C-alpha atoms as a PDB file:
ATOM      1  CA  MET A   1       0.372  27.421 -28.001  1.00  0.00           C
ATOM      2  CA  ASN A   2       0.094  24.157 -29.545  1.00  0.00           C
ATOM      3  CA  GLY A   3       3.266  23.407 -28.830  1.00  0.00           C
ATOM      4  CA  MET A   4       3.466  24.579 -24.967  1.00  0.00           C
ATOM      5  CA  LEU A   5       0.417  22.381 -24.474  1.00  0.00           C
ATOM      6  CA  ALA A   6       1.576  19.594 -25.497  1.00  0.00           C
ATOM      7  CA  THR A   7       4.908  19.805 -23.360  1.00  0.00           C
ATOM      8  CA  VAL A   8       2.778  20.253 -20.627  1.00  0.00           C
ATOM      9  CA  LEU A   9       0.566  17.345 -21.214  1.00  0.00           C
ATOM     10  CA  GLY A  10       3.733  15.115 -21.576  1.00  0.00           C
ATOM     11  CA  VAL A  11       5.455  16.336 -19.209  1.00  0.00           C
ATOM     12  CA  GLY A  12       2.201  15.451 -17.094  1.00  0.00           C
ATOM     13  CA  PHE A  13       1.674  12.030 -18.330  1.00  0.00           C
ATOM     14  CA  VAL A  14       5.606  11.002 -17.094  1.00  0.00           C
ATOM     15  CA  LEU A  15       5.782  12.735 -13.942  1.00  0.00           C
ATOM     16  CA  GLY A  16       2.143  10.313 -13.368  1.00  0.00           C
ATOM     17  CA  LEU A  17       3.925   7.280 -14.954  1.00  0.00           C
ATOM     18  CA  ARG A  18       6.776   8.255 -12.346  1.00  0.00           C
ATOM     19  CA  HIS A  19       3.682   9.378  -9.568  1.00  0.00           C
ATOM     20  CA  ALA A  20       2.971   5.305  -9.374  1.00  0.00           C
ATOM     21  CA  LEU A  21       6.284   4.532  -7.937  1.00  0.00           C
ATOM     22  CA  ASP A  22       6.056   6.945  -5.303  1.00  0.00           C
ATOM     23  CA  PRO A  23       7.331   4.511  -1.940  1.00  0.00           C
ATOM     24  CA  ASP A  24       3.716   4.974  -0.327  1.00  0.00           C
ATOM     25  CA  HIS A  25       2.431   3.996  -3.299  1.00  0.00           C
ATOM     26  CA  VAL A  26       4.228   1.263  -4.377  1.00  0.00           C
ATOM     27  CA  VAL A  27       3.936  -0.881  -0.309  1.00  0.00           C
ATOM     28  CA  ALA A  28       0.442   0.220  -0.525  1.00  0.00           C
ATOM     29  CA  VAL A  29       0.187  -2.191  -3.881  1.00  0.00           C
ATOM     30  CA  THR A  30       2.385  -4.474  -3.494  1.00  0.00           C
ATOM     31  CA  THR A  31       0.869  -5.456   0.346  1.00  0.00           C
ATOM     32  CA  MET A  32      -2.183  -6.102  -1.521  1.00  0.00           C
ATOM     33  CA  ALA A  33      -1.420  -7.775  -4.526  1.00  0.00           C
ATOM     34  CA  SER A  34       0.984 -10.039  -2.505  1.00  0.00           C
ATOM     35  CA  GLU A  35      -2.834 -11.697  -1.284  1.00  0.00           C
ATOM     36  CA  LYS A  36      -3.718 -12.049  -5.225  1.00  0.00           C
ATOM     37  CA  THR A  37      -2.150 -13.825  -8.033  1.00  0.00           C
ATOM     38  CA  GLY A  38      -2.341 -14.278 -11.375  1.00  0.00           C
ATOM     39  CA  VAL A  39      -2.178 -10.999 -13.870  1.00  0.00           C
ATOM     40  CA  ARG A  40      -5.789 -10.404 -14.671  1.00  0.00           C
ATOM     41  CA  ARG A  41      -5.827  -9.649 -10.349  1.00  0.00           C
ATOM     42  CA  THR A  42      -3.043  -8.399  -9.761  1.00  0.00           C
ATOM     43  CA  SER A  43      -3.527  -6.099 -12.542  1.00  0.00           C
ATOM     44  CA  MET A  44      -6.821  -4.953 -11.626  1.00  0.00           C
ATOM     45  CA  ILE A  45      -5.938  -4.345  -7.951  1.00  0.00           C
ATOM     46  CA  GLY A  46      -3.588  -1.851  -9.795  1.00  0.00           C
ATOM     47  CA  ALA A  47      -5.961  -0.152 -12.022  1.00  0.00           C
ATOM     48  CA  LEU A  48      -8.397   0.433  -9.436  1.00  0.00           C
ATOM     49  CA  TRP A  49      -5.871   2.336  -7.213  1.00  0.00           C
ATOM     50  CA  GLY A  50      -5.370   4.351 -10.324  1.00  0.00           C
ATOM     51  CA  LEU A  51      -9.118   4.306 -10.812  1.00  0.00           C
ATOM     52  CA  GLY A  52      -9.363   6.040  -6.959  1.00  0.00           C
ATOM     53  CA  HIS A  53      -6.238   8.134  -7.316  1.00  0.00           C
ATOM     54  CA  ALA A  54      -7.251   9.381 -10.665  1.00  0.00           C
ATOM     55  CA  LEU A  55     -10.951  10.342  -9.331  1.00  0.00           C
ATOM     56  CA  SER A  56     -10.021  11.925  -5.802  1.00  0.00           C
ATOM     57  CA  LEU A  57      -7.272  14.036  -7.665  1.00  0.00           C
ATOM     58  CA  GLY A  58      -9.467  14.967 -10.720  1.00  0.00           C
ATOM     59  CA  LEU A  59     -12.061  16.449  -7.889  1.00  0.00           C
ATOM     60  CA  ALA A  60      -9.688  17.594  -5.165  1.00  0.00           C
ATOM     61  CA  GLY A  61      -7.240  18.998  -7.645  1.00  0.00           C
ATOM     62  CA  GLY A  62      -9.302  20.608 -10.243  1.00  0.00           C
ATOM     63  CA  ALA A  63     -11.460  22.894  -7.400  1.00  0.00           C
ATOM     64  CA  ILE A  64      -7.812  23.943  -5.676  1.00  0.00           C
ATOM     65  CA  LEU A  65      -7.480  24.761  -9.461  1.00  0.00           C
ATOM     66  CA  ALA A  66     -11.026  26.199 -10.447  1.00  0.00           C
ATOM     67  CA  LEU A  67     -11.950  27.983  -6.960  1.00  0.00           C
ATOM     68  CA  ARG A  68      -8.837  29.377  -6.271  1.00  0.00           C
ATOM     69  CA  LEU A  69      -8.686  27.489  -3.033  1.00  0.00           C
ATOM     70  CA  SER A  70      -5.604  27.211  -0.701  1.00  0.00           C
ATOM     71  CA  VAL A  71      -5.464  24.354   1.177  1.00  0.00           C
ATOM     72  CA  PRO A  72      -3.435  24.782   4.981  1.00  0.00           C
ATOM     73  CA  PRO A  73      -0.460  23.248   5.826  1.00  0.00           C
ATOM     74  CA  SER A  74      -1.910  21.048   8.555  1.00  0.00           C
ATOM     75  CA  MET A  75      -4.697  19.706   6.301  1.00  0.00           C
ATOM     76  CA  GLY A  76      -1.900  18.689   4.077  1.00  0.00           C
ATOM     77  CA  GLU A  77       0.117  16.910   6.705  1.00  0.00           C
ATOM     78  CA  ALA A  78      -3.067  15.254   8.427  1.00  0.00           C
ATOM     79  CA  LEU A  79      -3.648  13.912   4.925  1.00  0.00           C
ATOM     80  CA  GLU A  80      -0.323  12.582   4.201  1.00  0.00           C
ATOM     81  CA  ALA A  81      -0.443  11.176   8.011  1.00  0.00           C
ATOM     82  CA  SER A  82      -4.085   9.498   6.678  1.00  0.00           C
ATOM     83  CA  VAL A  83      -1.951   7.555   4.309  1.00  0.00           C
ATOM     84  CA  GLY A  84       0.258   6.225   7.077  1.00  0.00           C
ATOM     85  CA  LEU A  85      -2.738   4.758   9.201  1.00  0.00           C
ATOM     86  CA  MET A  86      -4.271   3.240   5.449  1.00  0.00           C
ATOM     87  CA  LEU A  87      -0.605   1.592   5.134  1.00  0.00           C
ATOM     88  CA  VAL A  88      -0.684   0.433   9.011  1.00  0.00           C
ATOM     89  CA  ALA A  89      -4.103  -1.121   8.303  1.00  0.00           C
ATOM     90  CA  LEU A  90      -2.924  -3.144   5.212  1.00  0.00           C
ATOM     91  CA  GLY A  91      -0.196  -4.268   6.808  1.00  0.00           C
ATOM     92  CA  THR A  92      -2.003  -5.558   9.447  1.00  0.00           C
ATOM     93  CA  VAL A  93      -4.578  -7.687   7.515  1.00  0.00           C
ATOM     94  CA  ALA A  94      -1.690  -9.087   5.434  1.00  0.00           C
ATOM     95  CA  VAL A  95       0.121 -10.007   8.287  1.00  0.00           C
ATOM     96  CA  ARG A  96      -2.843 -11.997  10.014  1.00  0.00           C
ATOM     97  CA  ARG A  97      -3.493 -13.770   6.640  1.00  0.00           C
ATOM     98  CA  ALA A  98       0.182 -15.076   5.767  1.00  0.00           C
ATOM     99  CA  LEU A  99       0.159 -15.852  10.007  1.00  0.00           C
ATOM    100  CA  ARG A 100      -3.144 -18.273   9.275  1.00  0.00           C
ATOM    101  CA  TRP A 101      -1.052 -20.616   7.210  1.00  0.00           C
ATOM    102  CA  ARG A 102       1.088 -23.229   7.835  1.00  0.00           C
ATOM    103  CA  LEU A 103       3.539 -25.085   7.090  1.00  0.00           C
ATOM    104  CA  HIS A 104       2.596 -28.759   6.864  1.00  0.00           C
ATOM    105  CA  ALA A 105       4.784 -31.837   5.918  1.00  0.00           C
ATOM    106  CA  HIS A 106       4.051 -34.554   4.024  1.00  0.00           C
ATOM    107  CA  PRO A 107       6.278 -37.579   3.611  1.00  0.00           C
ATOM    108  CA  HIS A 108       6.560 -40.182   0.195  1.00  0.00           C
ATOM    109  CA  ALA A 109       8.599 -42.983  -0.905  1.00  0.00           C
ATOM    110  CA  HIS A 110       9.676 -42.861  -4.516  1.00  0.00           C
ATOM    111  CA  ASP A 111      11.584 -46.608  -5.060  1.00  0.00           C
ATOM    112  CA  GLY A 112      12.292 -47.160  -1.688  1.00  0.00           C
ATOM    113  CA  GLU A 113      13.342 -44.110  -0.512  1.00  0.00           C
ATOM    114  CA  VAL A 114      11.548 -41.230   1.532  1.00  0.00           C
ATOM    115  CA  HIS A 115      10.975 -37.637   0.663  1.00  0.00           C
ATOM    116  CA  VAL A 116       9.223 -34.632   2.588  1.00  0.00           C
ATOM    117  CA  HIS A 117       7.477 -32.582   0.609  1.00  0.00           C
ATOM    118  CA  PHE A 118       6.613 -29.293   1.978  1.00  0.00           C
ATOM    119  CA  HIS A 119       2.941 -27.399   1.784  1.00  0.00           C
ATOM    120  CA  ALA A 120       1.726 -23.799   3.395  1.00  0.00           C
ATOM    121  CA  HIS A 121      -2.100 -24.229   3.923  1.00  0.00           C
ATOM    122  CA  SER A 122      -4.656 -22.696   5.537  1.00  0.00           C
ATOM    123  CA  PRO A 123      -5.755 -25.240   8.769  1.00  0.00           C
ATOM    124  CA  GLY A 124      -9.507 -25.514   8.584  1.00  0.00           C
ATOM    125  CA  ARG A 125     -10.287 -23.666   5.796  1.00  0.00           C
ATOM    126  CA  PRO A 126     -11.624 -25.756   2.264  1.00  0.00           C
ATOM    127  CA  GLU A 127      -9.491 -24.966  -0.796  1.00  0.00           C
ATOM    128  CA  ALA A 128     -12.335 -24.456  -3.508  1.00  0.00           C
ATOM    129  CA  HIS A 129     -12.846 -20.415  -2.423  1.00  0.00           C
ATOM    130  CA  HIS A 130     -13.705 -18.693  -5.216  1.00  0.00           C
ATOM    131  CA  HIS A 131     -16.610 -15.948  -4.688  1.00  0.00           C
ATOM    132  CA  ALA A 132     -15.337 -12.734  -4.417  1.00  0.00           C
ATOM    133  CA  HIS A 133     -15.098 -10.105  -1.946  1.00  0.00           C
ATOM    134  CA  LEU A 134     -16.202  -6.864  -2.239  1.00  0.00           C
ATOM    135  CA  LEU A 135     -13.539  -5.179   0.154  1.00  0.00           C
ATOM    136  CA  GLY A 136     -10.459  -7.367  -0.763  1.00  0.00           C
ATOM    137  CA  GLY A 137     -11.578  -7.447  -4.846  1.00  0.00           C
ATOM    138  CA  GLY A 138     -12.106  -3.652  -5.949  1.00  0.00           C
ATOM    139  CA  LEU A 139     -13.955  -1.735  -3.060  1.00  0.00           C
ATOM    140  CA  ARG A 140     -10.183  -2.196  -1.075  1.00  0.00           C
ATOM    141  CA  PRO A 141      -7.577  -1.382  -3.612  1.00  0.00           C
ATOM    142  CA  PHE A 142     -10.325   1.884  -5.421  1.00  0.00           C
ATOM    143  CA  LEU A 143     -10.519   3.546  -1.603  1.00  0.00           C
ATOM    144  CA  VAL A 144      -6.579   3.227  -1.176  1.00  0.00           C
ATOM    145  CA  GLY A 145      -6.406   4.808  -4.400  1.00  0.00           C
ATOM    146  CA  LEU A 146      -9.077   7.654  -3.361  1.00  0.00           C
ATOM    147  CA  VAL A 147      -7.152   8.360   0.238  1.00  0.00           C
ATOM    148  CA  HIS A 148      -3.632   8.434  -1.898  1.00  0.00           C
ATOM    149  CA  GLY A 149      -5.864  10.882  -4.364  1.00  0.00           C
ATOM    150  CA  LEU A 150      -6.812  12.796  -1.386  1.00  0.00           C
ATOM    151  CA  ALA A 151      -3.291  13.371   0.207  1.00  0.00           C
ATOM    152  CA  GLY A 152      -1.640  14.766  -2.975  1.00  0.00           C
ATOM    153  CA  SER A 153      -3.990  17.129  -4.382  1.00  0.00           C
ATOM    154  CA  ALA A 154      -3.133  19.721  -3.668  1.00  0.00           C
ATOM    155  CA  GLY A 155       0.381  19.823  -4.462  1.00  0.00           C
ATOM    156  CA  LEU A 156       0.303  18.296  -7.518  1.00  0.00           C
ATOM    157  CA  ALA A 157      -2.853  21.166  -8.172  1.00  0.00           C
ATOM    158  CA  LEU A 158      -0.187  23.654  -7.165  1.00  0.00           C
ATOM    159  CA  LEU A 159       2.532  22.440  -9.336  1.00  0.00           C
ATOM    160  CA  ALA A 160       0.403  21.964 -12.394  1.00  0.00           C
ATOM    161  CA  LEU A 161      -1.132  26.112 -11.731  1.00  0.00           C
ATOM    162  CA  SER A 162       2.302  26.701 -12.176  1.00  0.00           C
ATOM    163  CA  ALA A 163       3.191  25.688 -14.761  1.00  0.00           C
ATOM    164  CA  ALA A 164      -0.289  25.625 -17.313  1.00  0.00           C
ATOM    165  CA  PRO A 165      -0.383  28.987 -18.462  1.00  0.00           C
ATOM    166  CA  SER A 166      -4.311  29.188 -18.079  1.00  0.00           C
ATOM    167  CA  LEU A 167      -7.166  26.893 -16.491  1.00  0.00           C
ATOM    168  CA  THR A 168      -8.069  24.630 -19.087  1.00  0.00           C
ATOM    169  CA  VAL A 169      -4.386  23.598 -19.284  1.00  0.00           C
ATOM    170  CA  GLY A 170      -4.174  23.574 -15.671  1.00  0.00           C
ATOM    171  CA  LEU A 171      -7.359  20.895 -15.786  1.00  0.00           C
ATOM    172  CA  ALA A 172      -5.875  19.223 -18.628  1.00  0.00           C
ATOM    173  CA  TYR A 173      -2.514  18.398 -17.105  1.00  0.00           C
ATOM    174  CA  LEU A 174      -4.252  16.791 -14.189  1.00  0.00           C
ATOM    175  CA  ALA A 175      -6.313  14.538 -16.243  1.00  0.00           C
ATOM    176  CA  VAL A 176      -2.970  13.756 -18.366  1.00  0.00           C
ATOM    177  CA  PHE A 177      -1.172  13.171 -15.169  1.00  0.00           C
ATOM    178  CA  SER A 178      -3.648  11.439 -13.488  1.00  0.00           C
ATOM    179  CA  VAL A 179      -4.047   8.721 -16.417  1.00  0.00           C
ATOM    180  CA  GLY A 180      -0.115   8.484 -16.414  1.00  0.00           C
ATOM    181  CA  SER A 181      -0.807   7.579 -13.025  1.00  0.00           C
ATOM    182  CA  ILE A 182      -2.944   4.371 -13.866  1.00  0.00           C
ATOM    183  CA  ALA A 183      -0.621   3.217 -16.270  1.00  0.00           C
ATOM    184  CA  GLY A 184       1.737   3.312 -14.418  1.00  0.00           C
ATOM    185  CA  MET A 185       0.168   1.133 -11.138  1.00  0.00           C
ATOM    186  CA  LEU A 186      -1.440  -0.848 -14.148  1.00  0.00           C
ATOM    187  CA  ILE A 187       2.190  -2.311 -15.232  1.00  0.00           C
ATOM    188  CA  LEU A 188       3.557  -2.170 -12.134  1.00  0.00           C
ATOM    189  CA  SER A 189       0.660  -4.236 -10.620  1.00  0.00           C
ATOM    190  CA  GLY A 190       1.003  -6.532 -13.849  1.00  0.00           C
ATOM    191  CA  LEU A 191       4.934  -7.451 -13.711  1.00  0.00           C
ATOM    192  CA  MET A 192       4.239  -8.044  -9.853  1.00  0.00           C
ATOM    193  CA  SER A 193       1.907 -11.000 -10.545  1.00  0.00           C
ATOM    194  CA  LEU A 194       4.459 -13.186 -12.466  1.00  0.00           C
ATOM    195  CA  PRO A 195       6.787 -13.505  -9.379  1.00  0.00           C
ATOM    196  CA  LEU A 196       3.873 -14.336  -7.072  1.00  0.00           C
ATOM    197  CA  GLY A 197       2.217 -16.066  -9.512  1.00  0.00           C
ATOM    198  CA  TYR A 198       5.723 -18.493 -10.017  1.00  0.00           C
ATOM    199  CA  LEU A 199       6.335 -18.310  -5.941  1.00  0.00           C
ATOM    200  CA  GLU A 200       2.729 -19.521  -5.187  1.00  0.00           C
ATOM    201  CA  ALA A 201       2.355 -22.555  -7.100  1.00  0.00           C
ATOM    202  CA  ARG A 202       5.664 -23.764  -6.782  1.00  0.00           C
ATOM    203  CA  TYR A 203       6.688 -23.025  -3.411  1.00  0.00           C
ATOM    204  CA  ALA A 204       3.987 -21.621  -1.143  1.00  0.00           C
ATOM    205  CA  ALA A 205       5.565 -21.430   2.255  1.00  0.00           C
ATOM    206  CA  SER A 206       7.837 -19.107   0.596  1.00  0.00           C
ATOM    207  CA  TYR A 207       4.826 -17.299  -0.901  1.00  0.00           C
ATOM    208  CA  ARG A 208       3.504 -16.622   2.342  1.00  0.00           C
ATOM    209  CA  GLY A 209       6.486 -15.735   3.883  1.00  0.00           C
ATOM    210  CA  LEU A 210       6.317 -13.293   1.043  1.00  0.00           C
ATOM    211  CA  GLN A 211       3.210 -11.565   2.477  1.00  0.00           C
ATOM    212  CA  LEU A 212       4.747 -11.725   5.827  1.00  0.00           C
ATOM    213  CA  VAL A 213       7.294  -9.591   4.574  1.00  0.00           C
ATOM    214  CA  ALA A 214       5.013  -7.547   2.766  1.00  0.00           C
ATOM    215  CA  GLY A 215       2.513  -6.774   5.385  1.00  0.00           C
ATOM    216  CA  GLY A 216       5.784  -6.092   7.560  1.00  0.00           C
ATOM    217  CA  VAL A 217       7.286  -3.893   5.717  1.00  0.00           C
ATOM    218  CA  SER A 218       3.433  -1.975   4.994  1.00  0.00           C
ATOM    219  CA  VAL A 219       3.043  -1.567   8.693  1.00  0.00           C
ATOM    220  CA  ALA A 220       6.877  -0.268   9.538  1.00  0.00           C
ATOM    221  CA  PHE A 221       6.618   2.213   6.402  1.00  0.00           C
ATOM    222  CA  GLY A 222       2.866   3.153   8.141  1.00  0.00           C
ATOM    223  CA  LEU A 223       4.135   4.275  11.216  1.00  0.00           C
ATOM    224  CA  TYR A 224       6.986   6.024  10.018  1.00  0.00           C
ATOM    225  CA  LEU A 225       4.882   8.799   7.577  1.00  0.00           C
ATOM    226  CA  LEU A 226       2.333   8.677  10.609  1.00  0.00           C
ATOM    227  CA  ALA A 227       4.879  10.285  12.956  1.00  0.00           C
ATOM    228  CA  VAL A 228       6.381  11.965  10.139  1.00  0.00           C
ATOM    229  CA  HIS A 229       3.970  14.012   9.225  1.00  0.00           C
ATOM    230  CA  SER A 230       2.237  14.257  12.545  1.00  0.00           C
ATOM    231  CA  TRP A 231       5.340  15.364  14.418  1.00  0.00           C
ATOM    232  CA  ALA A 232       4.964  17.706  11.099  1.00  0.00           C
ATOM    233  CA  GLY A 233       1.340  19.140  11.981  1.00  0.00           C
ATOM    234  CA  ALA A 234       2.031  19.544  15.466  1.00  0.00           C
ATOM    235  CA  VAL A 235       4.972  22.198  14.883  1.00  0.00           C
ATOM    236  CA  GLY A 236       3.070  23.860  11.794  1.00  0.00           C
ATOM    237  CA  ARG A 237       0.221  24.279  14.535  1.00  0.00           C
ATOM    238  CA  ALA A 238       2.370  25.610  17.182  1.00  0.00           C
ATOM    239  CA  GLY A 239       4.064  27.480  14.994  1.00  0.00           C
ATOM    240  CA  SER A 240       0.812  29.664  13.894  1.00  0.00           C
ATOM    241  CA  SER A 241      -0.568  29.811  17.239  1.00  0.00           C
END
């Protein structure tokens, strides 16, 4: 029994690490991370996403396991479609922020030669702006993680139910899976901070271009998920009627 428990929990942790790299998770966290620089701030986005994901996954998945609930396919498709809507919203915000910045040229003379230096900055806004915004800081990635956890809770709970020999082990599997997801996203977001910080410090225009691309990808992928799962939900409802 101890060997089986260790195996189930080990598999749960590894799958949690892998789960953090699902395309919709990576797109969401990359879009939010593109608005921040610094290892601490960018890593915090991943950690808070993981906490939100763990909370909703633990509560919803645990209830499904403990009460042997059956989640209708239409509800699962609706939750997945909500992830698409969320990605569209995140991408739209990122694109709007990127477009606020403009490229500005400053000519300088050095040793009789004129050089032009390009800078990206937001017009009409002071540079010093250090106070924290709740939605842009901690609450937004936490809420995004909550939505992701809800969307995947049914399938992961069923996986735990089929793999675990008892309810206790199944709940432990979900807990370890969640820890693995937090660790995976924390590592990923921390690694993102390195190129993002370098771009903002040395190539501000390229950094804003990257933010624009990240926002555009988020909108496009969100629309794709929304179309796929909305269609699947409509087909499922038509088939059951």
